[in-house]
N, C-alpha and C. Protein backbone atom coordinates (compact mmCIF):
# COMPACT_ATOMS: atom_id res chain seq x y z
N MET A 1 71.56 -13.75 -43.15
CA MET A 1 70.71 -13.09 -43.99
C MET A 1 71.44 -12.07 -44.84
N SER A 2 71.16 -12.04 -46.11
CA SER A 2 71.84 -11.10 -47.00
C SER A 2 71.18 -9.70 -46.97
N ASP A 3 71.96 -8.72 -47.29
CA ASP A 3 71.43 -7.35 -47.28
C ASP A 3 70.33 -7.16 -48.29
N GLY A 4 70.35 -7.94 -49.39
CA GLY A 4 69.36 -7.78 -50.41
C GLY A 4 68.04 -8.49 -50.04
N GLY A 5 68.05 -9.30 -48.99
CA GLY A 5 66.88 -10.07 -48.63
C GLY A 5 66.06 -9.29 -47.53
N ALA A 6 65.40 -10.08 -46.76
CA ALA A 6 64.57 -9.49 -45.68
C ALA A 6 65.43 -8.89 -44.64
N ASP A 7 64.89 -7.91 -43.95
CA ASP A 7 65.59 -7.19 -42.92
C ASP A 7 65.48 -7.80 -41.54
N THR A 8 64.75 -8.85 -41.40
CA THR A 8 64.44 -9.28 -40.02
C THR A 8 64.85 -10.69 -39.75
N GLY A 9 64.99 -10.95 -38.52
CA GLY A 9 65.17 -12.29 -38.05
C GLY A 9 63.77 -12.77 -37.69
N PRO A 10 63.67 -14.05 -37.32
CA PRO A 10 62.33 -14.57 -36.94
C PRO A 10 61.78 -13.83 -35.76
N ALA A 11 60.52 -13.53 -35.84
CA ALA A 11 59.85 -12.90 -34.67
C ALA A 11 59.33 -13.93 -33.77
N SER A 12 59.74 -13.90 -32.57
CA SER A 12 59.22 -14.83 -31.58
C SER A 12 58.93 -14.04 -30.27
N GLY A 13 58.32 -14.66 -29.38
CA GLY A 13 58.02 -13.97 -28.13
C GLY A 13 56.57 -13.52 -28.11
N PRO A 14 56.26 -12.63 -27.22
CA PRO A 14 54.86 -12.21 -27.04
C PRO A 14 54.36 -11.47 -28.19
N GLU A 15 53.07 -11.61 -28.55
CA GLU A 15 52.44 -10.82 -29.58
C GLU A 15 52.24 -9.41 -29.00
N SER A 16 52.27 -8.44 -29.90
CA SER A 16 51.97 -7.09 -29.42
C SER A 16 50.49 -6.92 -29.18
N GLY A 17 50.17 -6.15 -28.20
CA GLY A 17 48.82 -5.87 -27.92
C GLY A 17 48.30 -4.72 -28.76
N PRO A 18 47.28 -4.04 -28.26
CA PRO A 18 46.73 -2.92 -29.09
C PRO A 18 47.79 -1.86 -29.40
N GLU A 19 47.80 -1.32 -30.57
CA GLU A 19 48.73 -0.26 -30.91
C GLU A 19 48.46 0.93 -30.11
N PRO A 20 49.48 1.68 -29.68
CA PRO A 20 49.36 2.89 -28.95
C PRO A 20 48.46 3.95 -29.67
N GLY A 21 48.50 3.90 -31.00
CA GLY A 21 47.64 4.87 -31.70
C GLY A 21 46.14 4.61 -31.42
N GLY A 22 45.85 3.48 -30.88
CA GLY A 22 44.50 3.19 -30.59
C GLY A 22 44.02 3.72 -29.25
N GLY A 23 44.93 4.42 -28.53
CA GLY A 23 44.50 5.10 -27.37
C GLY A 23 45.04 4.46 -26.06
N MET A 24 45.59 3.24 -26.12
CA MET A 24 46.20 2.70 -24.90
C MET A 24 47.57 2.14 -25.22
N LEU A 25 48.55 2.32 -24.30
CA LEU A 25 49.89 1.91 -24.51
C LEU A 25 49.99 0.43 -24.46
N ASP A 26 50.85 -0.11 -25.25
CA ASP A 26 51.15 -1.51 -25.34
C ASP A 26 52.08 -1.90 -24.20
N ASP A 27 51.71 -2.87 -23.44
CA ASP A 27 52.54 -3.23 -22.32
C ASP A 27 53.74 -4.17 -22.67
N THR A 28 53.87 -4.40 -23.89
CA THR A 28 55.04 -5.25 -24.38
C THR A 28 56.09 -4.42 -25.05
N THR A 29 56.38 -3.28 -24.46
CA THR A 29 57.43 -2.36 -24.96
C THR A 29 58.53 -2.40 -23.91
N ALA A 30 59.65 -1.75 -24.35
CA ALA A 30 60.84 -1.74 -23.53
C ALA A 30 60.76 -0.82 -22.33
N GLY A 31 59.78 0.09 -22.24
CA GLY A 31 59.67 0.92 -21.06
C GLY A 31 60.78 1.92 -20.93
N VAL A 32 61.16 2.54 -22.04
CA VAL A 32 62.24 3.54 -22.02
C VAL A 32 61.75 4.78 -21.23
N VAL A 33 62.70 5.52 -20.66
CA VAL A 33 62.37 6.65 -19.80
C VAL A 33 61.85 7.88 -20.58
N ALA A 34 62.32 7.99 -21.80
CA ALA A 34 61.91 9.21 -22.61
C ALA A 34 62.24 8.89 -24.09
N PRO A 35 61.64 9.64 -24.98
CA PRO A 35 62.05 9.47 -26.40
C PRO A 35 63.48 9.92 -26.61
N PRO A 36 64.26 9.05 -27.32
CA PRO A 36 65.67 9.36 -27.45
C PRO A 36 65.97 10.79 -28.08
N PRO A 37 65.20 11.22 -29.08
CA PRO A 37 65.52 12.57 -29.60
C PRO A 37 65.31 13.66 -28.54
N LEU A 38 64.31 13.42 -27.63
CA LEU A 38 64.02 14.46 -26.59
C LEU A 38 65.15 14.47 -25.55
N ILE A 39 65.78 13.27 -25.32
CA ILE A 39 66.92 13.22 -24.35
C ILE A 39 68.06 14.06 -24.86
N PHE A 40 68.41 13.86 -26.16
CA PHE A 40 69.45 14.64 -26.78
C PHE A 40 69.11 16.14 -26.92
N ALA A 41 67.85 16.40 -27.32
CA ALA A 41 67.44 17.81 -27.53
C ALA A 41 67.45 18.51 -26.10
N GLY A 42 67.07 17.84 -25.10
CA GLY A 42 67.06 18.46 -23.70
C GLY A 42 68.55 18.72 -23.33
N ALA A 43 69.46 17.83 -23.59
CA ALA A 43 70.85 17.97 -23.26
C ALA A 43 71.45 19.16 -24.02
N ILE A 44 71.10 19.29 -25.31
CA ILE A 44 71.60 20.37 -26.12
C ILE A 44 71.01 21.70 -25.52
N ALA A 45 69.78 21.72 -25.23
CA ALA A 45 69.18 22.96 -24.62
C ALA A 45 69.84 23.31 -23.36
N LEU A 46 70.11 22.39 -22.48
CA LEU A 46 70.76 22.70 -21.24
C LEU A 46 72.20 23.24 -21.48
N GLY A 47 72.91 22.62 -22.48
CA GLY A 47 74.21 23.11 -22.85
C GLY A 47 74.18 24.57 -23.39
N LEU A 48 73.13 24.85 -24.15
CA LEU A 48 72.96 26.20 -24.70
C LEU A 48 72.73 27.18 -23.60
N VAL A 49 71.90 26.84 -22.58
CA VAL A 49 71.67 27.72 -21.46
C VAL A 49 72.93 27.91 -20.63
N ALA A 50 73.71 26.88 -20.43
CA ALA A 50 75.01 27.00 -19.71
C ALA A 50 75.96 27.87 -20.51
N GLU A 51 75.95 27.75 -21.81
CA GLU A 51 76.82 28.55 -22.67
C GLU A 51 76.47 30.02 -22.56
N TRP A 52 75.13 30.28 -22.50
CA TRP A 52 74.69 31.69 -22.36
C TRP A 52 75.12 32.25 -21.01
N VAL A 53 75.07 31.46 -19.93
CA VAL A 53 75.42 31.96 -18.65
C VAL A 53 76.89 31.96 -18.42
N TRP A 54 77.66 31.00 -18.87
CA TRP A 54 79.07 30.86 -18.73
C TRP A 54 79.73 30.57 -20.07
N PRO A 55 79.89 31.57 -20.93
CA PRO A 55 80.40 31.38 -22.27
C PRO A 55 81.74 30.67 -22.34
N THR A 56 81.91 29.73 -23.25
CA THR A 56 83.20 29.07 -23.46
C THR A 56 83.76 29.29 -24.81
N MET A 57 82.99 29.31 -25.83
CA MET A 57 83.40 29.55 -27.24
C MET A 57 84.72 28.81 -27.59
N LEU A 58 84.58 27.66 -28.13
CA LEU A 58 85.74 26.92 -28.66
C LEU A 58 86.36 27.52 -29.88
N HIS A 59 87.55 27.09 -30.22
CA HIS A 59 88.19 27.57 -31.43
C HIS A 59 87.35 27.26 -32.62
N THR A 60 87.30 28.24 -33.55
CA THR A 60 86.36 28.08 -34.67
C THR A 60 86.79 27.04 -35.67
N GLY A 61 88.02 26.53 -35.59
CA GLY A 61 88.47 25.45 -36.48
C GLY A 61 87.75 24.22 -36.19
N ALA A 62 87.15 24.03 -35.00
CA ALA A 62 86.36 22.81 -34.67
C ALA A 62 85.08 22.76 -35.47
N SER A 63 84.58 23.92 -36.03
CA SER A 63 83.34 23.86 -36.68
C SER A 63 83.33 23.00 -37.90
N SER A 64 84.41 22.89 -38.62
CA SER A 64 84.50 22.03 -39.83
C SER A 64 84.31 20.58 -39.45
N PHE A 65 84.99 20.15 -38.37
CA PHE A 65 84.84 18.83 -37.90
C PHE A 65 83.38 18.60 -37.47
N GLY A 66 82.78 19.59 -36.85
CA GLY A 66 81.41 19.50 -36.40
C GLY A 66 80.47 19.24 -37.58
N VAL A 67 80.73 19.93 -38.69
CA VAL A 67 79.92 19.70 -39.89
C VAL A 67 80.02 18.25 -40.34
N LEU A 68 81.20 17.70 -40.32
CA LEU A 68 81.43 16.28 -40.66
C LEU A 68 80.69 15.33 -39.74
N LEU A 69 80.73 15.57 -38.44
CA LEU A 69 79.99 14.77 -37.52
C LEU A 69 78.48 14.84 -37.71
N LEU A 70 78.02 16.09 -37.90
CA LEU A 70 76.63 16.26 -38.12
C LEU A 70 76.13 15.56 -39.45
N ALA A 71 76.86 15.72 -40.45
CA ALA A 71 76.58 15.00 -41.76
C ALA A 71 76.67 13.48 -41.60
N ALA A 72 77.59 13.00 -40.84
CA ALA A 72 77.68 11.54 -40.65
C ALA A 72 76.48 11.07 -39.83
N GLY A 73 76.07 11.80 -38.81
CA GLY A 73 74.89 11.42 -38.01
C GLY A 73 73.65 11.42 -38.87
N LEU A 74 73.49 12.47 -39.68
CA LEU A 74 72.25 12.51 -40.53
C LEU A 74 72.28 11.38 -41.57
N ALA A 75 73.42 11.12 -42.12
CA ALA A 75 73.59 10.02 -43.14
C ALA A 75 73.20 8.64 -42.50
N ILE A 76 73.71 8.39 -41.30
CA ILE A 76 73.37 7.14 -40.64
C ILE A 76 71.82 7.04 -40.40
N ALA A 77 71.17 8.14 -40.00
CA ALA A 77 69.76 8.15 -39.84
C ALA A 77 69.03 7.89 -41.06
N VAL A 78 69.45 8.54 -42.17
CA VAL A 78 68.78 8.38 -43.45
C VAL A 78 68.90 6.95 -43.92
N MET A 79 70.06 6.28 -43.63
CA MET A 79 70.17 4.89 -44.07
C MET A 79 69.45 3.92 -43.14
N THR A 80 69.24 4.32 -41.90
CA THR A 80 68.59 3.41 -40.89
C THR A 80 67.09 3.42 -40.92
N VAL A 81 66.46 4.57 -40.98
CA VAL A 81 64.97 4.64 -40.82
C VAL A 81 64.26 3.75 -41.84
N PRO A 82 64.70 3.74 -43.17
CA PRO A 82 63.99 2.83 -44.12
C PRO A 82 64.05 1.34 -43.75
N ARG A 83 65.00 0.98 -43.01
CA ARG A 83 65.09 -0.47 -42.50
C ARG A 83 63.91 -0.79 -41.62
N PHE A 84 63.49 0.15 -40.76
CA PHE A 84 62.31 -0.04 -39.92
C PHE A 84 61.04 -0.22 -40.82
N ARG A 85 60.94 0.66 -41.81
CA ARG A 85 59.78 0.60 -42.68
C ARG A 85 59.69 -0.79 -43.38
N ARG A 86 60.85 -1.13 -43.98
CA ARG A 86 60.88 -2.48 -44.72
C ARG A 86 60.51 -3.60 -43.80
N ALA A 87 60.96 -3.52 -42.53
CA ALA A 87 60.70 -4.61 -41.61
C ALA A 87 59.27 -4.47 -41.01
N ARG A 88 58.63 -3.38 -41.24
CA ARG A 88 57.29 -3.13 -40.74
C ARG A 88 57.25 -3.19 -39.13
N THR A 89 58.29 -2.51 -38.65
CA THR A 89 58.37 -2.42 -37.19
C THR A 89 58.61 -0.90 -36.92
N PRO A 90 58.09 -0.42 -35.80
CA PRO A 90 58.07 0.98 -35.53
C PRO A 90 59.51 1.46 -35.09
N VAL A 91 59.82 2.72 -35.42
CA VAL A 91 61.04 3.35 -34.93
C VAL A 91 60.84 3.76 -33.48
N ASP A 92 59.65 4.22 -33.16
CA ASP A 92 59.25 4.68 -31.83
C ASP A 92 59.40 3.56 -30.76
N PRO A 93 60.24 3.81 -29.76
CA PRO A 93 60.43 2.74 -28.71
C PRO A 93 59.21 2.59 -27.81
N PHE A 94 58.19 3.40 -28.00
CA PHE A 94 56.99 3.26 -27.18
C PHE A 94 55.99 2.36 -27.86
N HIS A 95 56.30 1.78 -29.00
CA HIS A 95 55.47 0.81 -29.71
C HIS A 95 56.23 -0.53 -29.59
N ALA A 96 55.43 -1.66 -29.69
CA ALA A 96 56.07 -2.97 -29.63
C ALA A 96 56.90 -3.23 -30.88
N THR A 97 58.05 -3.83 -30.68
CA THR A 97 58.92 -4.18 -31.74
C THR A 97 58.36 -5.45 -32.45
N ARG A 98 58.25 -5.43 -33.73
CA ARG A 98 57.66 -6.55 -34.44
C ARG A 98 58.72 -7.42 -35.09
N ALA A 99 59.95 -6.89 -35.28
CA ALA A 99 60.98 -7.62 -36.03
C ALA A 99 62.31 -7.21 -35.53
N LEU A 100 63.26 -8.07 -35.65
CA LEU A 100 64.65 -7.84 -35.32
C LEU A 100 65.41 -7.47 -36.61
N ILE A 101 65.90 -6.27 -36.70
CA ILE A 101 66.55 -5.78 -37.89
C ILE A 101 68.07 -6.01 -37.67
N ILE A 102 68.63 -6.73 -38.63
CA ILE A 102 70.06 -7.09 -38.53
C ILE A 102 70.89 -6.71 -39.75
N THR A 103 70.30 -6.03 -40.68
CA THR A 103 71.00 -5.69 -41.92
C THR A 103 71.26 -4.15 -42.03
N GLY A 104 71.92 -3.77 -42.99
CA GLY A 104 72.24 -2.35 -43.24
C GLY A 104 73.10 -1.87 -42.11
N PRO A 105 72.84 -0.64 -41.59
CA PRO A 105 73.64 -0.15 -40.52
C PRO A 105 73.64 -0.96 -39.27
N PHE A 106 72.65 -1.80 -39.08
CA PHE A 106 72.54 -2.71 -37.93
C PHE A 106 73.58 -3.80 -37.99
N ARG A 107 74.26 -3.95 -39.06
CA ARG A 107 75.39 -4.90 -39.17
C ARG A 107 76.57 -4.42 -38.37
N PHE A 108 76.66 -3.12 -38.18
CA PHE A 108 77.86 -2.47 -37.52
C PHE A 108 77.57 -1.91 -36.12
N SER A 109 76.27 -1.66 -35.86
CA SER A 109 75.89 -1.02 -34.61
C SER A 109 74.48 -1.53 -34.21
N ARG A 110 74.30 -1.93 -33.00
CA ARG A 110 73.00 -2.39 -32.50
C ARG A 110 72.06 -1.16 -32.38
N ASN A 111 72.65 0.02 -32.32
CA ASN A 111 71.85 1.26 -32.12
C ASN A 111 72.30 2.37 -33.03
N PRO A 112 72.18 2.14 -34.36
CA PRO A 112 72.61 3.19 -35.29
C PRO A 112 71.89 4.54 -35.16
N LEU A 113 70.55 4.51 -34.83
CA LEU A 113 69.86 5.77 -34.71
C LEU A 113 70.39 6.53 -33.43
N TYR A 114 70.73 5.79 -32.38
CA TYR A 114 71.17 6.47 -31.21
C TYR A 114 72.61 7.05 -31.49
N LEU A 115 73.40 6.27 -32.24
CA LEU A 115 74.71 6.71 -32.66
C LEU A 115 74.55 8.03 -33.47
N SER A 116 73.57 8.04 -34.40
CA SER A 116 73.35 9.18 -35.22
C SER A 116 72.97 10.39 -34.35
N LEU A 117 72.15 10.21 -33.34
CA LEU A 117 71.78 11.31 -32.47
C LEU A 117 72.98 11.83 -31.70
N ALA A 118 73.83 10.91 -31.23
CA ALA A 118 75.08 11.41 -30.49
C ALA A 118 75.99 12.17 -31.47
N LEU A 119 76.14 11.68 -32.69
CA LEU A 119 77.00 12.40 -33.66
C LEU A 119 76.40 13.78 -34.01
N VAL A 120 75.11 13.88 -34.20
CA VAL A 120 74.45 15.19 -34.43
C VAL A 120 74.67 16.11 -33.21
N HIS A 121 74.52 15.62 -32.05
CA HIS A 121 74.69 16.37 -30.81
C HIS A 121 76.18 16.93 -30.80
N LEU A 122 77.10 16.09 -30.96
CA LEU A 122 78.53 16.53 -30.91
C LEU A 122 78.86 17.45 -32.06
N GLY A 123 78.30 17.15 -33.24
CA GLY A 123 78.51 18.01 -34.44
C GLY A 123 77.96 19.44 -34.20
N LEU A 124 76.79 19.48 -33.58
CA LEU A 124 76.26 20.86 -33.32
C LEU A 124 77.09 21.56 -32.28
N GLY A 125 77.51 20.85 -31.28
CA GLY A 125 78.35 21.52 -30.28
C GLY A 125 79.64 22.08 -30.88
N LEU A 126 80.25 21.32 -31.76
CA LEU A 126 81.50 21.81 -32.37
C LEU A 126 81.19 22.95 -33.41
N MET A 127 80.09 22.83 -34.15
CA MET A 127 79.75 23.90 -35.10
C MET A 127 79.45 25.20 -34.46
N ILE A 128 78.80 25.17 -33.33
CA ILE A 128 78.53 26.47 -32.64
C ILE A 128 79.62 26.85 -31.63
N GLY A 129 80.65 26.03 -31.47
CA GLY A 129 81.76 26.31 -30.64
C GLY A 129 81.47 26.31 -29.14
N SER A 130 80.56 25.46 -28.70
CA SER A 130 80.14 25.40 -27.29
C SER A 130 80.65 24.20 -26.53
N LEU A 131 81.58 24.46 -25.62
CA LEU A 131 82.03 23.42 -24.79
C LEU A 131 80.88 22.79 -23.91
N TRP A 132 80.01 23.62 -23.51
CA TRP A 132 78.89 23.17 -22.64
C TRP A 132 78.01 22.15 -23.44
N VAL A 133 77.68 22.41 -24.67
CA VAL A 133 76.92 21.54 -25.48
C VAL A 133 77.61 20.20 -25.58
N LEU A 134 78.96 20.28 -25.83
CA LEU A 134 79.71 19.02 -25.95
C LEU A 134 79.70 18.26 -24.58
N ILE A 135 79.88 18.95 -23.50
CA ILE A 135 79.87 18.29 -22.16
C ILE A 135 78.53 17.60 -21.93
N MET A 136 77.44 18.28 -22.34
CA MET A 136 76.10 17.74 -22.05
C MET A 136 75.83 16.45 -22.92
N ALA A 137 76.70 16.15 -23.86
CA ALA A 137 76.52 14.86 -24.52
C ALA A 137 76.77 13.72 -23.54
N LEU A 138 77.64 13.88 -22.57
CA LEU A 138 77.93 12.84 -21.62
C LEU A 138 76.73 12.40 -20.80
N PRO A 139 76.01 13.32 -20.16
CA PRO A 139 74.80 12.88 -19.46
C PRO A 139 73.69 12.35 -20.39
N ALA A 140 73.64 12.89 -21.63
CA ALA A 140 72.68 12.37 -22.54
C ALA A 140 73.01 10.96 -22.93
N ILE A 141 74.22 10.61 -23.15
CA ILE A 141 74.57 9.23 -23.47
C ILE A 141 74.42 8.33 -22.27
N ALA A 142 74.65 8.87 -21.03
CA ALA A 142 74.40 8.08 -19.81
C ALA A 142 72.89 7.76 -19.67
N VAL A 143 72.07 8.74 -19.88
CA VAL A 143 70.60 8.50 -19.79
C VAL A 143 70.22 7.47 -20.88
N MET A 144 70.79 7.65 -22.10
CA MET A 144 70.50 6.67 -23.12
C MET A 144 70.88 5.29 -22.71
N GLN A 145 72.01 5.17 -22.14
CA GLN A 145 72.50 3.87 -21.75
C GLN A 145 71.66 3.14 -20.75
N TRP A 146 71.37 3.88 -19.66
CA TRP A 146 70.59 3.28 -18.55
C TRP A 146 69.08 3.41 -18.69
N GLY A 147 68.58 4.42 -19.31
CA GLY A 147 67.19 4.63 -19.37
C GLY A 147 66.55 4.16 -20.64
N VAL A 148 67.39 3.87 -21.68
CA VAL A 148 66.80 3.46 -22.97
C VAL A 148 67.50 2.09 -23.43
N ILE A 149 68.76 2.13 -23.69
CA ILE A 149 69.40 0.98 -24.28
C ILE A 149 69.35 -0.28 -23.44
N SER A 150 69.67 -0.19 -22.16
CA SER A 150 69.61 -1.36 -21.29
C SER A 150 68.21 -1.89 -21.21
N ARG A 151 67.22 -1.08 -21.20
CA ARG A 151 65.82 -1.56 -21.13
C ARG A 151 65.43 -2.20 -22.46
N GLU A 152 65.82 -1.53 -23.57
CA GLU A 152 65.55 -2.15 -24.88
C GLU A 152 66.23 -3.47 -25.03
N GLU A 153 67.47 -3.59 -24.62
CA GLU A 153 68.21 -4.86 -24.76
C GLU A 153 67.50 -6.00 -23.96
N ARG A 154 67.07 -5.73 -22.73
CA ARG A 154 66.29 -6.73 -21.96
C ARG A 154 65.05 -7.09 -22.68
N TYR A 155 64.36 -6.09 -23.20
CA TYR A 155 63.08 -6.36 -23.87
C TYR A 155 63.35 -7.21 -25.21
N LEU A 156 64.35 -6.82 -25.94
CA LEU A 156 64.62 -7.57 -27.18
C LEU A 156 65.06 -8.95 -26.93
N GLU A 157 65.86 -9.16 -25.88
CA GLU A 157 66.25 -10.52 -25.55
C GLU A 157 65.05 -11.37 -25.13
N GLY A 158 64.14 -10.82 -24.42
CA GLY A 158 62.90 -11.52 -24.04
C GLY A 158 62.01 -11.74 -25.20
N ARG A 159 61.95 -10.86 -26.14
CA ARG A 159 61.11 -10.94 -27.32
C ARG A 159 61.68 -11.91 -28.41
N PHE A 160 62.97 -11.82 -28.60
CA PHE A 160 63.63 -12.59 -29.75
C PHE A 160 64.54 -13.66 -29.24
N GLY A 161 64.71 -13.82 -28.00
CA GLY A 161 65.50 -14.96 -27.45
C GLY A 161 66.86 -15.08 -28.02
N GLU A 162 67.21 -16.34 -28.51
CA GLU A 162 68.49 -16.66 -28.96
C GLU A 162 68.90 -15.86 -30.21
N ASP A 163 67.95 -15.52 -31.09
CA ASP A 163 68.27 -14.72 -32.24
C ASP A 163 68.89 -13.37 -31.84
N TYR A 164 68.30 -12.75 -30.78
CA TYR A 164 68.91 -11.49 -30.32
C TYR A 164 70.18 -11.71 -29.62
N ARG A 165 70.31 -12.72 -28.78
CA ARG A 165 71.57 -13.03 -28.10
C ARG A 165 72.75 -13.20 -29.12
N ALA A 166 72.42 -13.95 -30.23
CA ALA A 166 73.48 -14.21 -31.25
C ALA A 166 73.85 -12.88 -31.92
N TYR A 167 72.85 -12.11 -32.19
CA TYR A 167 73.14 -10.79 -32.85
C TYR A 167 73.93 -9.93 -31.94
N LYS A 168 73.56 -9.88 -30.64
CA LYS A 168 74.28 -9.10 -29.65
C LYS A 168 75.73 -9.57 -29.49
N GLY A 169 75.97 -10.88 -29.67
CA GLY A 169 77.34 -11.40 -29.64
C GLY A 169 78.19 -11.03 -30.84
N ARG A 170 77.54 -10.71 -31.98
CA ARG A 170 78.27 -10.39 -33.21
C ARG A 170 78.44 -8.84 -33.41
N VAL A 171 77.52 -8.05 -32.91
CA VAL A 171 77.53 -6.62 -33.21
C VAL A 171 77.62 -5.76 -31.96
N ARG A 172 78.54 -4.86 -32.04
CA ARG A 172 78.77 -3.88 -30.85
C ARG A 172 77.59 -2.99 -30.67
N ARG A 173 77.45 -2.45 -29.42
CA ARG A 173 76.36 -1.58 -29.08
C ARG A 173 76.32 -0.30 -29.88
N TRP A 174 77.45 0.37 -29.84
CA TRP A 174 77.53 1.71 -30.46
C TRP A 174 78.22 1.69 -31.85
N LEU A 175 79.43 1.13 -31.87
CA LEU A 175 80.10 1.05 -33.22
C LEU A 175 81.15 -0.04 -33.11
């Protein structure tokens, strides 16, 4: 598929049930443990609390690199979200996926939005000079891996079959 064409592979697998906006959750979702932004926000908050209790304050020269990471994360998100809209599939992992997006940032990462969240997290940690915020990126990424990504990958493989397996064979998980 070319980048100028459609964003999706063929949709196969179970049809989605009622939309969650209708008052009941769709049982054809990945079953992630929590919204990914909340996972990273919680880890940043815990890092800030730890920083307040046990200050570390990194060298201020790291803040420039932090700005670059933050900007890269935001840029990836800005390039990725419109792909969901074009494919008419929700960004929210608690809604059924309607299409497999394989163009744009998805050509380089199967999870560009999660990559962007990790970059923003690390960028913020460096910008404020907090070792604790940086350290808390590790458990956030672990929760993402086991509570979100592995569940989504099982779900997408069941929903899109060989199309997803082929995509998974071509494109790395993070970068």
